[in-house]
Amino acid sequence: MGRTKNLAVRSMLIDRAALLLRERQPVTLRGLVAGTEVSTMAVYTYFDGIDGLWRAVRQEGFTRLATRLTEVPTTDDPVHDLAALGSAYLSNALTNPDLYRVMFDAGFALEDAAAADATLERLVTAVQSAKSAGRFRADVEPLDLATQSWAIGHGLAGLVATGPLPAAALDFGIPMLTALFIGVGDDQRRCTRSVTAGWRIG
């Protein structure tokens, strides 16, 4: 029970820090615990101070993303899986917009950079699977294509989850990914079906 409570306090402080950032409020010890039953010492107990809290906030964004990506099943259609991973990326950003704003702020080091890199590796693995299945050309570099796919999702996330575009703009991901994958060798009709089936934001 104590352990559960500790994790809840830690998570609450991370969420409050991200929220204060979004609202452009000063992030102070008192501001973090205002209206709660937690003392300012909790920031030192769980994070060794404000700098440690920022590292944890960034890391939490990637931790939640990794959790969301693990929920995406692997099918016998790797192009579908690539689209589904992009969809999961966007869903995570929409669910955690405050954390998403902080994830890519390189002003604070990550607690575990390798764990953050592993989220991109999921895309790399899916690209390699599509390449091995003959959907993409043999000369395709998996990391390059994974990065291009990620850039599409990241751009949409930034413009919708934390920016000016309406949620309907997320549908642009389908033609953008389809064009990208056709450009590296996939069949147009097959690719359209795969991407459309995998792109389910929610």
Protein backbone atom coordinates (compact mmCIF):
# COMPACT_ATOMS: atom_id res chain seq x y z
CA MET A 1 0.00 0.00 0.00
CA GLY A 2 2.83 2.40 0.92
CA ARG A 3 4.62 1.63 -2.31
CA THR A 4 1.47 2.34 -4.33
CA LYS A 5 1.02 5.64 -2.53
CA ASN A 6 4.64 6.60 -3.19
CA LEU A 7 4.26 5.95 -6.90
CA ALA A 8 1.04 7.97 -6.92
CA VAL A 9 2.76 10.97 -5.30
CA ARG A 10 5.66 10.78 -7.75
CA SER A 11 3.31 10.60 -10.72
CA MET A 12 1.22 13.47 -9.36
CA LEU A 13 4.25 15.73 -9.06
CA ILE A 14 5.34 14.92 -12.61
CA ASP A 15 1.88 15.68 -13.99
CA ARG A 16 1.64 18.93 -12.05
CA ALA A 17 5.04 20.10 -13.28
CA ALA A 18 4.03 19.46 -16.89
CA LEU A 19 0.71 21.23 -16.36
CA LEU A 20 2.38 24.31 -14.87
CA LEU A 21 4.65 24.47 -17.89
CA ARG A 22 1.70 24.31 -20.27
CA GLU A 23 -0.05 27.10 -18.38
CA ARG A 24 3.16 29.15 -18.41
CA GLN A 25 3.15 29.38 -14.63
CA PRO A 26 6.37 29.47 -12.63
CA VAL A 27 7.32 26.00 -11.47
CA THR A 28 8.18 26.38 -7.81
CA LEU A 29 8.21 23.97 -4.93
CA ARG A 30 5.16 25.64 -3.42
CA GLY A 31 3.36 25.71 -6.75
CA LEU A 32 3.93 22.00 -7.27
CA VAL A 33 2.30 21.01 -4.00
CA ALA A 34 -0.34 23.76 -3.74
CA GLY A 35 -3.74 22.31 -2.97
CA THR A 36 -2.35 18.87 -2.15
CA GLU A 37 -1.50 17.13 1.10
CA VAL A 38 2.12 16.73 -0.01
CA SER A 39 4.94 18.82 1.42
CA THR A 40 7.64 20.51 -0.65
CA MET A 41 10.12 17.95 0.72
CA ALA A 42 8.48 15.38 -1.56
CA VAL A 43 10.28 16.95 -4.54
CA TYR A 44 13.59 16.11 -2.84
CA THR A 45 12.40 12.73 -1.60
CA TYR A 46 11.43 11.52 -5.05
CA PHE A 47 13.64 13.59 -7.38
CA ASP A 48 16.51 15.12 -5.38
CA GLY A 49 15.27 18.58 -6.29
CA ILE A 50 13.83 20.52 -9.23
CA ASP A 51 16.46 19.43 -11.78
CA GLY A 52 15.76 15.80 -10.99
CA LEU A 53 12.06 16.47 -11.39
CA TRP A 54 12.60 17.85 -14.90
CA ARG A 55 14.58 14.79 -15.89
CA ALA A 56 11.78 12.61 -14.55
CA VAL A 57 9.14 14.62 -16.41
CA ARG A 58 10.91 14.08 -19.74
CA GLN A 59 11.47 10.41 -18.97
CA GLU A 60 7.85 9.88 -17.99
CA GLY A 61 6.78 11.07 -21.41
CA PHE A 62 8.88 8.38 -23.08
CA THR A 63 7.84 5.78 -20.51
CA ARG A 64 4.17 6.32 -21.31
CA LEU A 65 4.94 6.28 -25.03
CA ALA A 66 6.80 2.99 -24.69
CA THR A 67 3.88 1.51 -22.78
CA ARG A 68 1.47 2.63 -25.50
CA LEU A 69 3.65 1.18 -28.25
CA THR A 70 3.86 -2.21 -26.53
CA GLU A 71 0.07 -2.39 -26.77
CA VAL A 72 0.28 -2.39 -30.58
CA PRO A 73 0.11 -6.02 -31.74
CA THR A 74 2.38 -7.37 -34.46
CA THR A 75 0.40 -8.70 -37.42
CA ASP A 76 1.31 -10.42 -40.67
CA ASP A 77 1.16 -7.01 -42.40
CA PRO A 78 4.24 -4.96 -41.38
CA VAL A 79 3.07 -1.85 -43.25
CA HIS A 80 -0.15 -1.96 -41.28
CA ASP A 81 1.97 -2.28 -38.14
CA LEU A 82 4.03 0.79 -39.07
CA ALA A 83 0.85 2.84 -39.47
CA ALA A 84 -0.52 1.44 -36.21
CA LEU A 85 2.65 2.46 -34.36
CA GLY A 86 2.33 5.97 -35.77
CA SER A 87 -1.28 6.04 -34.66
CA ALA A 88 -0.27 4.92 -31.17
CA TYR A 89 2.34 7.68 -31.05
CA LEU A 90 -0.34 10.25 -31.80
CA SER A 91 -2.78 8.73 -29.33
CA ASN A 92 -0.16 8.98 -26.62
CA ALA A 93 0.48 12.64 -27.45
CA LEU A 94 -3.24 13.42 -27.34
CA THR A 95 -3.66 11.60 -24.04
CA ASN A 96 -0.60 13.22 -22.42
CA PRO A 97 -0.28 16.66 -24.07
CA ASP A 98 1.49 18.27 -21.13
CA LEU A 99 4.16 15.59 -20.96
CA TYR A 100 4.46 15.60 -24.74
CA ARG A 101 5.48 19.27 -24.64
CA VAL A 102 8.42 18.41 -22.40
CA MET A 103 9.62 15.13 -23.93
CA PHE A 104 11.84 16.73 -26.55
CA ASP A 105 13.25 19.58 -24.46
CA ALA A 106 16.94 18.74 -24.55
CA GLY A 107 17.62 21.34 -21.88
CA PHE A 108 17.26 18.57 -19.31
CA ALA A 109 18.97 15.20 -19.56
CA LEU A 110 16.94 12.02 -19.61
CA GLU A 111 17.20 9.57 -16.74
CA ASP A 112 17.46 6.69 -19.23
CA ALA A 113 18.26 7.76 -22.80
CA ALA A 114 18.40 4.15 -23.99
CA ALA A 115 14.78 3.62 -22.96
CA ALA A 116 13.77 6.67 -24.97
CA ASP A 117 15.72 5.42 -28.00
CA ALA A 118 13.88 2.11 -27.75
CA THR A 119 10.65 3.82 -28.79
CA LEU A 120 12.18 4.67 -32.18
CA GLU A 121 13.61 1.17 -32.38
CA ARG A 122 10.06 -0.20 -32.51
CA LEU A 123 9.61 1.64 -35.80
CA VAL A 124 12.98 0.47 -37.08
CA THR A 125 12.00 -3.14 -36.39
CA ALA A 126 8.70 -2.71 -38.24
CA VAL A 127 10.46 -1.19 -41.25
CA GLN A 128 12.91 -4.09 -41.30
CA SER A 129 10.00 -6.53 -41.22
CA ALA A 130 8.35 -4.77 -44.18
CA LYS A 131 11.65 -4.82 -46.05
CA SER A 132 12.15 -8.54 -45.34
CA ALA A 133 8.58 -9.20 -46.53
CA GLY A 134 9.35 -7.55 -49.87
CA ARG A 135 7.08 -4.55 -49.28
CA PHE A 136 10.00 -2.10 -49.41
CA ARG A 137 13.03 -2.08 -51.68
CA ALA A 138 16.16 -3.92 -50.61
CA ASP A 139 18.18 -0.69 -50.51
CA VAL A 140 15.90 0.96 -47.92
CA GLU A 141 17.72 1.92 -44.74
CA PRO A 142 15.38 1.00 -41.85
CA LEU A 143 16.55 3.75 -39.50
CA ASP A 144 16.15 6.42 -42.18
CA LEU A 145 12.62 5.35 -43.10
CA ALA A 146 11.64 4.93 -39.45
CA THR A 147 12.84 8.47 -38.78
CA GLN A 148 10.85 9.82 -41.73
CA SER A 149 7.73 8.01 -40.47
CA TRP A 150 8.30 9.39 -36.99
CA ALA A 151 8.72 12.92 -38.38
CA ILE A 152 5.25 12.69 -39.94
CA GLY A 153 3.67 11.57 -36.67
CA HIS A 154 5.65 14.08 -34.63
CA GLY A 155 4.63 16.93 -36.89
CA LEU A 156 0.96 16.04 -36.67
CA ALA A 157 1.19 15.57 -32.91
CA GLY A 158 2.80 18.96 -32.45
CA LEU A 159 0.19 20.69 -34.60
CA VAL A 160 -2.83 18.94 -33.08
CA ALA A 161 -2.02 17.86 -29.52
CA THR A 162 -0.18 21.05 -28.59
CA GLY A 163 -0.86 23.33 -31.55
CA PRO A 164 -3.43 25.06 -33.73
CA LEU A 165 -4.85 22.31 -35.94
CA PRO A 166 -8.13 20.45 -35.22
CA ALA A 167 -8.18 16.71 -34.59
CA ALA A 168 -9.50 16.14 -38.11
CA ALA A 169 -6.01 17.01 -39.39
CA LEU A 170 -4.76 13.68 -38.01
CA ASP A 171 -6.31 12.03 -41.06
CA PHE A 172 -3.56 13.63 -43.13
CA GLY A 173 -1.31 10.92 -41.77
CA ILE A 174 -2.87 8.38 -44.12
CA PRO A 175 -1.92 10.00 -47.45
CA MET A 176 1.43 11.17 -46.08
CA LEU A 177 2.51 7.73 -44.88
CA THR A 178 1.06 6.08 -47.99
CA ALA A 179 3.08 8.36 -50.26
CA LEU A 180 6.21 7.72 -48.19
CA PHE A 181 5.85 3.93 -48.33
CA ILE A 182 4.94 3.84 -52.03
CA GLY A 183 8.07 5.90 -52.64
CA VAL A 184 10.21 3.13 -51.16
CA GLY A 185 8.62 0.35 -53.15
CA ASP A 186 5.23 -0.65 -51.76
CA ASP A 187 2.31 -1.34 -54.11
CA GLN A 188 -0.11 1.58 -54.17
CA ARG A 189 -3.37 -0.30 -53.58
CA ARG A 190 -1.91 -2.66 -51.02
CA CYS A 191 -0.20 0.19 -49.22
CA THR A 192 -3.36 2.28 -49.08
CA ARG A 193 -5.27 -0.60 -47.53
CA SER A 194 -2.55 -1.33 -45.00
CA VAL A 195 -2.05 2.25 -43.86
CA THR A 196 -5.77 3.02 -43.70
CA ALA A 197 -6.39 -0.09 -41.59
CA GLY A 198 -3.53 0.66 -39.24
CA TRP A 199 -4.21 4.37 -38.78
CA ARG A 200 -6.76 4.36 -36.00
CA ILE A 201 -6.37 7.32 -33.65
CA GLY A 202 -8.07 6.84 -30.31
